[in-house]
Amino acid sequence: MSQTEKKEPFKNLSFKASVAKKFIKFSKAISKSRSATLLLMLEFFEYNNISPSESLGPRMQTLESAITKRINALVAIIRDIEINQTLPTKGMLDALFEGIPNPSTKKLSMSFEKAFENLTVQSPPEQNHPNNTDHHDIRKVLDRMKLVKPPFGRPYWKVSLTNSEIAHLKKKYHVYNN
């Protein structure tokens, strides 16, 4: 209570004994004085625009149904986001981390096919590659290969050869492309 309310004079009200006992018990649980309890009750009814004679049933049911509708709308929005945004993104990330190859198959260019035919042609080793230089070239390329494991995607092999070494191998094995 405020200072002005403490200085106000008291008025007597008449209640039935059973109602007075109930109010005294209720006011002990709510506040220190009975006047403060009664004031709190009146302010509650005025603030919420509620009449003590009217029932709260339909209002509470209306409020509950409105809240239920809002919750159902939120659930529908979250499901829509999950279906249209989260699952496709998850699928892309899974594919990225698993390294699933693209289903389309790439055809080798003609120059690589010709080079492969040149390598697989059966001829005596001393005519094409004296002193087994073929093995030397393969060892040289294999020694210069390094496995690269990127954080995203599949690991791949990187070959560290200079331009002159690549040009020499192309010329030696008849690969004519740039």
N, C-alpha and C. Protein backbone atom coordinates (compact mmCIF):
# COMPACT_ATOMS: atom_id res chain seq x y z
N MET A 1 0.83 -1.18 0.00
CA MET A 1 0.00 0.00 0.00
C MET A 1 0.88 1.24 0.00
N SER A 2 0.36 2.29 -0.61
CA SER A 2 1.11 3.54 -0.65
C SER A 2 0.90 4.33 0.65
N GLN A 3 1.64 5.43 0.79
CA GLN A 3 1.56 6.25 2.01
C GLN A 3 0.18 6.88 2.17
N THR A 4 -0.43 7.29 1.06
CA THR A 4 -1.77 7.91 1.16
C THR A 4 -2.81 6.90 1.60
N GLU A 5 -2.66 5.66 1.16
CA GLU A 5 -3.62 4.63 1.57
C GLU A 5 -3.45 4.27 3.04
N LYS A 6 -2.25 4.39 3.56
CA LYS A 6 -2.03 4.09 4.99
C LYS A 6 -2.67 5.15 5.89
N LYS A 7 -2.77 6.38 5.40
CA LYS A 7 -3.33 7.47 6.21
C LYS A 7 -4.86 7.57 6.08
N GLU A 8 -5.42 6.80 5.16
CA GLU A 8 -6.87 6.86 4.97
C GLU A 8 -7.60 6.26 6.16
N PRO A 9 -8.80 6.77 6.44
CA PRO A 9 -9.57 6.17 7.54
C PRO A 9 -10.20 4.86 7.09
N PHE A 10 -10.53 4.01 8.05
CA PHE A 10 -11.15 2.72 7.76
C PHE A 10 -12.66 2.86 7.69
N LYS A 11 -13.29 1.98 6.90
CA LYS A 11 -14.75 1.88 6.80
C LYS A 11 -15.13 0.46 7.17
N ASN A 12 -16.24 0.30 7.73
CA ASN A 12 -16.71 -1.04 8.10
C ASN A 12 -17.56 -1.61 6.97
N LEU A 13 -17.35 -2.89 6.69
CA LEU A 13 -18.15 -3.63 5.72
C LEU A 13 -18.74 -4.83 6.44
N SER A 14 -19.90 -5.21 6.08
CA SER A 14 -20.54 -6.37 6.70
C SER A 14 -20.48 -7.55 5.74
N PHE A 15 -19.97 -8.66 6.26
CA PHE A 15 -19.92 -9.90 5.51
C PHE A 15 -20.54 -10.99 6.35
N LYS A 16 -20.97 -12.05 5.72
CA LYS A 16 -21.43 -13.22 6.45
C LYS A 16 -20.20 -13.88 7.06
N ALA A 17 -20.37 -14.56 8.12
CA ALA A 17 -19.26 -15.14 8.88
C ALA A 17 -18.45 -16.13 8.04
N SER A 18 -19.11 -16.98 7.25
CA SER A 18 -18.39 -17.98 6.45
C SER A 18 -17.55 -17.28 5.37
N VAL A 19 -18.09 -16.21 4.77
CA VAL A 19 -17.35 -15.48 3.74
C VAL A 19 -16.19 -14.75 4.38
N ALA A 20 -16.38 -14.18 5.55
CA ALA A 20 -15.31 -13.46 6.25
C ALA A 20 -14.17 -14.40 6.59
N LYS A 21 -14.49 -15.60 7.10
CA LYS A 21 -13.42 -16.58 7.43
C LYS A 21 -12.64 -16.95 6.17
N LYS A 22 -13.36 -17.19 5.08
CA LYS A 22 -12.71 -17.57 3.83
C LYS A 22 -11.80 -16.42 3.34
N PHE A 23 -12.29 -15.19 3.44
CA PHE A 23 -11.50 -14.04 2.98
C PHE A 23 -10.27 -13.82 3.85
N ILE A 24 -10.42 -13.99 5.17
CA ILE A 24 -9.28 -13.83 6.08
C ILE A 24 -8.20 -14.87 5.76
N LYS A 25 -8.60 -16.09 5.52
CA LYS A 25 -7.65 -17.17 5.18
C LYS A 25 -6.96 -16.86 3.84
N PHE A 26 -7.76 -16.39 2.87
CA PHE A 26 -7.22 -16.05 1.55
C PHE A 26 -6.27 -14.86 1.64
N SER A 27 -6.62 -13.85 2.42
CA SER A 27 -5.79 -12.65 2.50
C SER A 27 -4.46 -12.93 3.20
N LYS A 28 -4.41 -13.89 4.12
CA LYS A 28 -3.14 -14.25 4.76
C LYS A 28 -2.17 -14.85 3.73
N ALA A 29 -2.72 -15.58 2.74
CA ALA A 29 -1.88 -16.20 1.73
C ALA A 29 -1.41 -15.18 0.69
N ILE A 30 -2.20 -14.12 0.47
CA ILE A 30 -1.90 -13.17 -0.60
C ILE A 30 -1.03 -12.01 -0.12
N SER A 31 -1.43 -11.31 0.91
CA SER A 31 -0.65 -10.14 1.35
C SER A 31 -0.74 -9.97 2.85
N LYS A 32 -0.13 -8.91 3.38
CA LYS A 32 -0.06 -8.70 4.82
C LYS A 32 -1.38 -8.21 5.41
N SER A 33 -2.11 -7.40 4.61
CA SER A 33 -3.36 -6.86 5.17
C SER A 33 -4.55 -7.26 4.31
N ARG A 34 -5.72 -7.21 4.91
CA ARG A 34 -6.95 -7.55 4.19
C ARG A 34 -7.30 -6.45 3.19
N SER A 35 -6.99 -5.23 3.52
CA SER A 35 -7.26 -4.12 2.62
C SER A 35 -6.42 -4.27 1.34
N ALA A 36 -5.16 -4.64 1.48
CA ALA A 36 -4.28 -4.82 0.32
C ALA A 36 -4.78 -5.98 -0.55
N THR A 37 -5.26 -7.06 0.07
CA THR A 37 -5.79 -8.20 -0.67
C THR A 37 -7.01 -7.78 -1.47
N LEU A 38 -7.92 -7.07 -0.85
CA LEU A 38 -9.14 -6.63 -1.53
C LEU A 38 -8.80 -5.67 -2.66
N LEU A 39 -7.82 -4.78 -2.44
CA LEU A 39 -7.40 -3.86 -3.48
C LEU A 39 -6.79 -4.61 -4.67
N LEU A 40 -5.95 -5.60 -4.39
CA LEU A 40 -5.35 -6.42 -5.47
C LEU A 40 -6.43 -7.12 -6.28
N MET A 41 -7.43 -7.66 -5.60
CA MET A 41 -8.52 -8.35 -6.30
C MET A 41 -9.28 -7.39 -7.21
N LEU A 42 -9.61 -6.21 -6.71
CA LEU A 42 -10.35 -5.23 -7.51
C LEU A 42 -9.53 -4.76 -8.72
N GLU A 43 -8.25 -4.50 -8.52
CA GLU A 43 -7.40 -4.08 -9.63
C GLU A 43 -7.26 -5.17 -10.68
N PHE A 44 -7.21 -6.42 -10.24
CA PHE A 44 -7.14 -7.54 -11.19
C PHE A 44 -8.38 -7.56 -12.07
N PHE A 45 -9.55 -7.45 -11.47
CA PHE A 45 -10.79 -7.49 -12.24
C PHE A 45 -10.89 -6.29 -13.20
N GLU A 46 -10.47 -5.12 -12.76
CA GLU A 46 -10.53 -3.94 -13.61
C GLU A 46 -9.51 -4.02 -14.76
N TYR A 47 -8.28 -4.45 -14.45
CA TYR A 47 -7.22 -4.51 -15.45
C TYR A 47 -7.57 -5.51 -16.55
N ASN A 48 -8.08 -6.67 -16.20
CA ASN A 48 -8.38 -7.73 -17.17
C ASN A 48 -9.79 -7.61 -17.73
N ASN A 49 -10.53 -6.59 -17.29
CA ASN A 49 -11.89 -6.36 -17.78
C ASN A 49 -12.76 -7.60 -17.60
N ILE A 50 -12.70 -8.13 -16.38
CA ILE A 50 -13.44 -9.34 -16.05
C ILE A 50 -14.47 -8.99 -14.98
N SER A 51 -15.62 -9.56 -15.16
CA SER A 51 -16.67 -9.39 -14.15
C SER A 51 -16.70 -10.65 -13.29
N PRO A 52 -16.80 -10.52 -11.96
CA PRO A 52 -16.84 -11.72 -11.11
C PRO A 52 -18.07 -12.58 -11.36
N SER A 53 -19.09 -12.02 -11.94
CA SER A 53 -20.30 -12.81 -12.17
C SER A 53 -20.24 -13.60 -13.48
N GLU A 54 -19.32 -13.24 -14.40
CA GLU A 54 -19.27 -13.98 -15.66
C GLU A 54 -18.26 -15.11 -15.58
N SER A 55 -18.49 -16.13 -16.38
CA SER A 55 -17.65 -17.32 -16.38
C SER A 55 -16.43 -17.12 -17.28
N LEU A 56 -15.31 -17.69 -16.88
CA LEU A 56 -14.09 -17.62 -17.68
C LEU A 56 -14.00 -18.75 -18.70
N GLY A 57 -14.90 -19.72 -18.63
CA GLY A 57 -14.84 -20.89 -19.50
C GLY A 57 -14.68 -20.59 -20.97
N PRO A 58 -15.63 -19.88 -21.61
CA PRO A 58 -15.49 -19.64 -23.04
C PRO A 58 -14.26 -18.82 -23.40
N ARG A 59 -13.90 -17.85 -22.56
CA ARG A 59 -12.72 -17.04 -22.85
C ARG A 59 -11.46 -17.89 -22.81
N MET A 60 -11.33 -18.73 -21.83
CA MET A 60 -10.14 -19.58 -21.70
C MET A 60 -10.08 -20.60 -22.84
N GLN A 61 -11.23 -21.14 -23.22
CA GLN A 61 -11.24 -22.10 -24.32
C GLN A 61 -10.87 -21.41 -25.63
N THR A 62 -11.34 -20.18 -25.83
CA THR A 62 -11.00 -19.43 -27.03
C THR A 62 -9.51 -19.13 -27.06
N LEU A 63 -8.98 -18.73 -25.93
CA LEU A 63 -7.55 -18.45 -25.83
C LEU A 63 -6.73 -19.71 -26.09
N GLU A 64 -7.17 -20.81 -25.52
CA GLU A 64 -6.46 -22.09 -25.72
C GLU A 64 -6.50 -22.52 -27.18
N SER A 65 -7.65 -22.37 -27.84
CA SER A 65 -7.74 -22.76 -29.25
C SER A 65 -6.89 -21.84 -30.13
N ALA A 66 -6.82 -20.55 -29.79
CA ALA A 66 -5.97 -19.63 -30.56
C ALA A 66 -4.49 -20.01 -30.42
N ILE A 67 -4.09 -20.34 -29.21
CA ILE A 67 -2.69 -20.75 -28.97
C ILE A 67 -2.40 -22.05 -29.71
N THR A 68 -3.34 -22.99 -29.67
CA THR A 68 -3.16 -24.27 -30.36
C THR A 68 -3.02 -24.05 -31.87
N LYS A 69 -3.83 -23.15 -32.44
CA LYS A 69 -3.73 -22.86 -33.87
C LYS A 69 -2.37 -22.26 -34.20
N ARG A 70 -1.87 -21.35 -33.36
CA ARG A 70 -0.56 -20.74 -33.59
C ARG A 70 0.55 -21.79 -33.53
N ILE A 71 0.45 -22.67 -32.56
CA ILE A 71 1.48 -23.72 -32.43
C ILE A 71 1.45 -24.64 -33.64
N ASN A 72 0.25 -25.01 -34.09
CA ASN A 72 0.14 -25.86 -35.28
C ASN A 72 0.70 -25.17 -36.52
N ALA A 73 0.48 -23.85 -36.63
CA ALA A 73 1.03 -23.10 -37.76
C ALA A 73 2.56 -23.08 -37.70
N LEU A 74 3.12 -22.92 -36.50
CA LEU A 74 4.58 -22.93 -36.35
C LEU A 74 5.17 -24.29 -36.70
N VAL A 75 4.49 -25.35 -36.29
CA VAL A 75 4.95 -26.71 -36.61
C VAL A 75 4.94 -26.91 -38.12
N ALA A 76 3.89 -26.43 -38.80
CA ALA A 76 3.82 -26.55 -40.26
C ALA A 76 4.95 -25.77 -40.93
N ILE A 77 5.25 -24.59 -40.42
CA ILE A 77 6.35 -23.78 -41.00
C ILE A 77 7.68 -24.50 -40.80
N ILE A 78 7.91 -25.05 -39.63
CA ILE A 78 9.18 -25.75 -39.36
C ILE A 78 9.30 -26.99 -40.24
N ARG A 79 8.21 -27.72 -40.44
CA ARG A 79 8.25 -28.91 -41.32
C ARG A 79 8.56 -28.49 -42.75
N ASP A 80 7.95 -27.40 -43.21
CA ASP A 80 8.20 -26.91 -44.56
C ASP A 80 9.67 -26.52 -44.72
N ILE A 81 10.22 -25.84 -43.74
CA ILE A 81 11.64 -25.46 -43.79
C ILE A 81 12.51 -26.72 -43.83
N GLU A 82 12.16 -27.70 -43.04
CA GLU A 82 12.94 -28.94 -43.00
C GLU A 82 12.92 -29.65 -44.35
N ILE A 83 11.73 -29.72 -44.96
CA ILE A 83 11.60 -30.44 -46.23
C ILE A 83 12.27 -29.69 -47.37
N ASN A 84 12.05 -28.37 -47.43
CA ASN A 84 12.51 -27.61 -48.58
C ASN A 84 13.91 -27.03 -48.44
N GLN A 85 14.45 -26.93 -47.22
CA GLN A 85 15.76 -26.30 -47.07
C GLN A 85 16.76 -27.21 -46.39
N THR A 86 16.39 -27.78 -45.26
CA THR A 86 17.36 -28.52 -44.46
C THR A 86 17.74 -29.85 -45.12
N LEU A 87 16.75 -30.64 -45.57
CA LEU A 87 17.06 -31.95 -46.15
C LEU A 87 17.88 -31.85 -47.43
N PRO A 88 17.54 -30.95 -48.38
CA PRO A 88 18.42 -30.84 -49.56
C PRO A 88 19.84 -30.41 -49.21
N THR A 89 19.96 -29.49 -48.27
CA THR A 89 21.30 -29.04 -47.86
C THR A 89 22.06 -30.19 -47.22
N LYS A 90 21.38 -30.97 -46.37
CA LYS A 90 22.01 -32.13 -45.74
C LYS A 90 22.44 -33.13 -46.80
N GLY A 91 21.59 -33.34 -47.81
CA GLY A 91 21.94 -34.27 -48.88
C GLY A 91 23.17 -33.83 -49.65
N MET A 92 23.26 -32.52 -49.90
CA MET A 92 24.43 -32.00 -50.60
C MET A 92 25.69 -32.17 -49.75
N LEU A 93 25.59 -31.89 -48.47
CA LEU A 93 26.75 -32.04 -47.59
C LEU A 93 27.16 -33.51 -47.47
N ASP A 94 26.18 -34.42 -47.37
CA ASP A 94 26.50 -35.84 -47.32
C ASP A 94 27.23 -36.27 -48.59
N ALA A 95 26.73 -35.82 -49.72
CA ALA A 95 27.36 -36.18 -50.99
C ALA A 95 28.78 -35.61 -51.05
N LEU A 96 28.95 -34.41 -50.52
CA LEU A 96 30.26 -33.78 -50.54
C LEU A 96 31.25 -34.53 -49.67
N PHE A 97 30.80 -34.91 -48.46
CA PHE A 97 31.71 -35.60 -47.55
C PHE A 97 31.94 -37.05 -47.93
N GLU A 98 30.97 -37.71 -48.52
CA GLU A 98 31.14 -39.10 -48.93
C GLU A 98 31.91 -39.20 -50.23
N GLY A 99 31.95 -38.13 -50.98
CA GLY A 99 32.67 -38.15 -52.24
C GLY A 99 31.97 -38.99 -53.28
N ILE A 100 30.66 -38.90 -53.36
CA ILE A 100 29.91 -39.66 -54.35
C ILE A 100 30.26 -39.12 -55.73
N PRO A 101 30.70 -39.98 -56.63
CA PRO A 101 31.08 -39.49 -57.95
C PRO A 101 29.86 -39.08 -58.77
N ASN A 102 30.09 -38.21 -59.71
CA ASN A 102 29.02 -37.78 -60.60
C ASN A 102 28.61 -38.96 -61.47
N PRO A 103 27.31 -39.24 -61.65
CA PRO A 103 26.90 -40.42 -62.41
C PRO A 103 27.25 -40.33 -63.89
N SER A 104 27.48 -39.14 -64.42
CA SER A 104 27.82 -39.05 -65.83
C SER A 104 29.27 -39.51 -66.02
N THR A 105 29.47 -40.30 -67.03
CA THR A 105 30.83 -40.80 -67.30
C THR A 105 31.46 -39.90 -68.35
N LYS A 106 32.71 -39.54 -68.12
CA LYS A 106 33.42 -38.67 -69.04
C LYS A 106 34.18 -39.55 -70.04
N LYS A 107 34.14 -39.15 -71.30
CA LYS A 107 34.87 -39.87 -72.33
C LYS A 107 36.26 -39.26 -72.46
N LEU A 108 37.25 -40.10 -72.61
CA LEU A 108 38.61 -39.62 -72.77
C LEU A 108 38.77 -38.94 -74.11
N SER A 109 39.59 -37.92 -74.15
CA SER A 109 39.82 -37.23 -75.42
C SER A 109 40.59 -38.14 -76.36
N MET A 110 40.53 -37.80 -77.62
CA MET A 110 41.15 -38.64 -78.65
C MET A 110 42.66 -38.75 -78.45
N SER A 111 43.32 -37.68 -78.02
CA SER A 111 44.77 -37.73 -77.86
C SER A 111 45.17 -38.72 -76.76
N PHE A 112 44.37 -38.81 -75.69
CA PHE A 112 44.68 -39.77 -74.64
C PHE A 112 44.43 -41.20 -75.13
N GLU A 113 43.39 -41.38 -75.93
CA GLU A 113 43.13 -42.71 -76.49
C GLU A 113 44.28 -43.14 -77.39
N LYS A 114 44.78 -42.20 -78.22
CA LYS A 114 45.91 -42.53 -79.09
C LYS A 114 47.16 -42.85 -78.28
N ALA A 115 47.39 -42.07 -77.24
CA ALA A 115 48.56 -42.31 -76.40
C ALA A 115 48.44 -43.68 -75.74
N PHE A 116 47.25 -44.04 -75.31
CA PHE A 116 47.05 -45.35 -74.68
C PHE A 116 47.30 -46.47 -75.68
N GLU A 117 46.83 -46.27 -76.93
CA GLU A 117 47.08 -47.27 -77.98
C GLU A 117 48.58 -47.39 -78.24
N ASN A 118 49.28 -46.25 -78.26
CA ASN A 118 50.72 -46.28 -78.49
C ASN A 118 51.44 -47.03 -77.38
N LEU A 119 50.96 -46.92 -76.16
CA LEU A 119 51.59 -47.62 -75.06
C LEU A 119 51.29 -49.11 -75.08
N THR A 120 50.10 -49.46 -75.58
CA THR A 120 49.71 -50.87 -75.52
C THR A 120 50.09 -51.64 -76.78
N VAL A 121 50.66 -50.99 -77.78
CA VAL A 121 51.07 -51.69 -78.99
C VAL A 121 52.18 -52.67 -78.64
N GLN A 122 52.00 -53.91 -79.07
CA GLN A 122 52.99 -54.94 -78.77
C GLN A 122 54.18 -54.80 -79.73
N SER A 123 55.32 -54.50 -79.18
CA SER A 123 56.55 -54.44 -79.96
C SER A 123 57.70 -54.82 -79.05
N PRO A 124 58.81 -55.23 -79.60
CA PRO A 124 59.93 -55.60 -78.75
C PRO A 124 60.40 -54.39 -77.94
N PRO A 125 60.66 -54.58 -76.64
CA PRO A 125 61.03 -53.46 -75.78
C PRO A 125 62.30 -52.75 -76.21
N GLU A 126 63.25 -53.45 -76.82
CA GLU A 126 64.49 -52.79 -77.17
C GLU A 126 64.33 -51.87 -78.37
N GLN A 127 63.27 -52.04 -79.20
CA GLN A 127 63.09 -51.15 -80.34
C GLN A 127 62.47 -49.82 -79.90
N ASN A 128 61.38 -49.88 -79.10
CA ASN A 128 60.70 -48.64 -78.68
C ASN A 128 61.43 -47.94 -77.55
N HIS A 129 61.86 -48.67 -76.57
CA HIS A 129 62.43 -48.09 -75.37
C HIS A 129 63.70 -48.85 -74.99
N PRO A 130 64.82 -48.40 -75.51
CA PRO A 130 66.05 -49.12 -75.16
C PRO A 130 66.38 -48.97 -73.68
N ASN A 131 66.93 -50.02 -73.13
CA ASN A 131 67.35 -50.10 -71.72
C ASN A 131 66.20 -49.84 -70.75
N ASN A 132 64.98 -50.24 -71.12
CA ASN A 132 63.79 -50.14 -70.25
C ASN A 132 63.57 -48.72 -69.71
N THR A 133 63.69 -47.72 -70.57
CA THR A 133 63.43 -46.35 -70.14
C THR A 133 61.95 -46.15 -69.83
N ASP A 134 61.13 -47.05 -70.37
CA ASP A 134 59.69 -46.98 -70.07
C ASP A 134 59.48 -47.10 -68.56
N HIS A 135 60.17 -48.04 -67.93
CA HIS A 135 60.07 -48.21 -66.48
C HIS A 135 60.66 -47.00 -65.75
N HIS A 136 61.71 -46.44 -66.32
CA HIS A 136 62.32 -45.27 -65.70
C HIS A 136 61.35 -44.09 -65.71
N ASP A 137 60.67 -43.87 -66.83
CA ASP A 137 59.70 -42.77 -66.94
C ASP A 137 58.53 -42.98 -65.98
N ILE A 138 58.06 -44.20 -65.90
CA ILE A 138 56.94 -44.48 -64.99
C ILE A 138 57.36 -44.27 -63.54
N ARG A 139 58.54 -44.74 -63.18
CA ARG A 139 59.03 -44.52 -61.81
C ARG A 139 59.18 -43.03 -61.51
N LYS A 140 59.65 -42.27 -62.50
CA LYS A 140 59.83 -40.83 -62.32
C LYS A 140 58.49 -40.15 -62.05
N VAL A 141 57.47 -40.52 -62.81
CA VAL A 141 56.14 -39.93 -62.63
C VAL A 141 55.56 -40.36 -61.28
N LEU A 142 55.69 -41.65 -60.95
CA LEU A 142 55.14 -42.15 -59.69
C LEU A 142 55.84 -41.53 -58.48
N ASP A 143 57.13 -41.28 -58.60
CA ASP A 143 57.86 -40.64 -57.49
C ASP A 143 57.40 -39.20 -57.27
N ARG A 144 56.96 -38.56 -58.32
CA ARG A 144 56.53 -37.17 -58.23
C ARG A 144 55.03 -37.03 -57.88
N MET A 145 54.35 -38.13 -57.68
CA MET A 145 52.91 -38.08 -57.33
C MET A 145 52.74 -37.92 -55.83
N LYS A 146 51.73 -37.12 -55.48
CA LYS A 146 51.46 -36.85 -54.07
C LYS A 146 49.94 -36.92 -53.87
N LEU A 147 49.51 -37.59 -52.81
CA LEU A 147 48.09 -37.69 -52.49
C LEU A 147 47.64 -36.43 -51.76
N VAL A 148 46.59 -35.79 -52.28
CA VAL A 148 46.05 -34.58 -51.68
C VAL A 148 44.68 -34.93 -51.11
N LYS A 149 44.48 -34.63 -49.82
CA LYS A 149 43.20 -34.90 -49.16
C LYS A 149 42.57 -33.56 -48.77
N PRO A 150 41.69 -33.02 -49.62
CA PRO A 150 41.05 -31.74 -49.28
C PRO A 150 40.00 -31.93 -48.19
N PRO A 151 39.65 -30.85 -47.46
CA PRO A 151 38.63 -30.99 -46.41
C PRO A 151 37.25 -31.32 -46.98
N PHE A 152 36.98 -30.90 -48.22
CA PHE A 152 35.72 -31.22 -48.87
C PHE A 152 36.02 -31.98 -50.15
N GLY A 153 35.25 -32.99 -50.44
CA GLY A 153 35.43 -33.74 -51.67
C GLY A 153 36.33 -34.95 -51.48
N ARG A 154 36.56 -35.60 -52.61
CA ARG A 154 37.36 -36.83 -52.59
C ARG A 154 38.84 -36.51 -52.69
N PRO A 155 39.67 -37.37 -52.11
CA PRO A 155 41.12 -37.18 -52.27
C PRO A 155 41.52 -37.42 -53.73
N TYR A 156 42.62 -36.78 -54.17
CA TYR A 156 43.09 -36.93 -55.53
C TYR A 156 44.61 -36.93 -55.52
N TRP A 157 45.18 -37.34 -56.66
CA TRP A 157 46.63 -37.40 -56.81
C TRP A 157 47.10 -36.16 -57.57
N LYS A 158 48.20 -35.58 -57.12
CA LYS A 158 48.79 -34.41 -57.76
C LYS A 158 50.17 -34.82 -58.26
N VAL A 159 50.43 -34.53 -59.53
CA VAL A 159 51.72 -34.87 -60.13
C VAL A 159 52.52 -33.58 -60.27
N SER A 160 53.72 -33.57 -59.70
CA SER A 160 54.58 -32.38 -59.75
C SER A 160 55.66 -32.57 -60.80
N LEU A 161 55.35 -32.19 -62.02
CA LEU A 161 56.32 -32.25 -63.12
C LEU A 161 56.45 -30.86 -63.72
N THR A 162 57.63 -30.53 -64.21
CA THR A 162 57.82 -29.24 -64.86
C THR A 162 57.23 -29.30 -66.27
N ASN A 163 57.05 -28.14 -66.89
CA ASN A 163 56.51 -28.09 -68.25
C ASN A 163 57.42 -28.80 -69.24
N SER A 164 58.72 -28.68 -69.06
CA SER A 164 59.65 -29.33 -69.99
C SER A 164 59.59 -30.86 -69.85
N GLU A 165 59.42 -31.36 -68.63
CA GLU A 165 59.31 -32.81 -68.44
C GLU A 165 58.02 -33.35 -69.07
N ILE A 166 56.93 -32.60 -68.93
CA ILE A 166 55.66 -33.02 -69.54
C ILE A 166 55.78 -32.99 -71.06
N ALA A 167 56.40 -31.93 -71.60
CA ALA A 167 56.59 -31.84 -73.05
C ALA A 167 57.44 -33.00 -73.56
N HIS A 168 58.48 -33.37 -72.82
CA HIS A 168 59.34 -34.49 -73.22
C HIS A 168 58.54 -35.80 -73.24
N LEU A 169 57.72 -36.04 -72.20
CA LEU A 169 56.93 -37.28 -72.15
C LEU A 169 55.88 -37.31 -73.27
N LYS A 170 55.27 -36.16 -73.57
CA LYS A 170 54.28 -36.11 -74.66
C LYS A 170 54.93 -36.44 -75.99
N LYS A 171 56.12 -35.87 -76.21
CA LYS A 171 56.81 -36.12 -77.46
C LYS A 171 57.25 -37.58 -77.57
N LYS A 172 57.73 -38.12 -76.45
CA LYS A 172 58.22 -39.50 -76.45
C LYS A 172 57.11 -40.50 -76.70
N TYR A 173 55.90 -40.23 -76.15
CA TYR A 173 54.80 -41.18 -76.27
C TYR A 173 53.76 -40.74 -77.27
N HIS A 174 54.10 -39.78 -78.14
CA HIS A 174 53.27 -39.33 -79.25
C HIS A 174 51.90 -38.83 -78.82
N VAL A 175 51.90 -37.96 -77.83
CA VAL A 175 50.66 -37.31 -77.39
C VAL A 175 50.68 -35.90 -77.97
N TYR A 176 49.74 -35.60 -78.87
CA TYR A 176 49.75 -34.32 -79.56
C TYR A 176 48.54 -33.50 -79.14
N ASN A 177 48.62 -32.86 -78.02
CA ASN A 177 47.60 -31.89 -77.58
C ASN A 177 48.25 -30.87 -76.69
N ASN A 178 47.57 -29.77 -76.45
CA ASN A 178 48.15 -28.72 -75.60
C ASN A 178 47.59 -28.76 -74.23
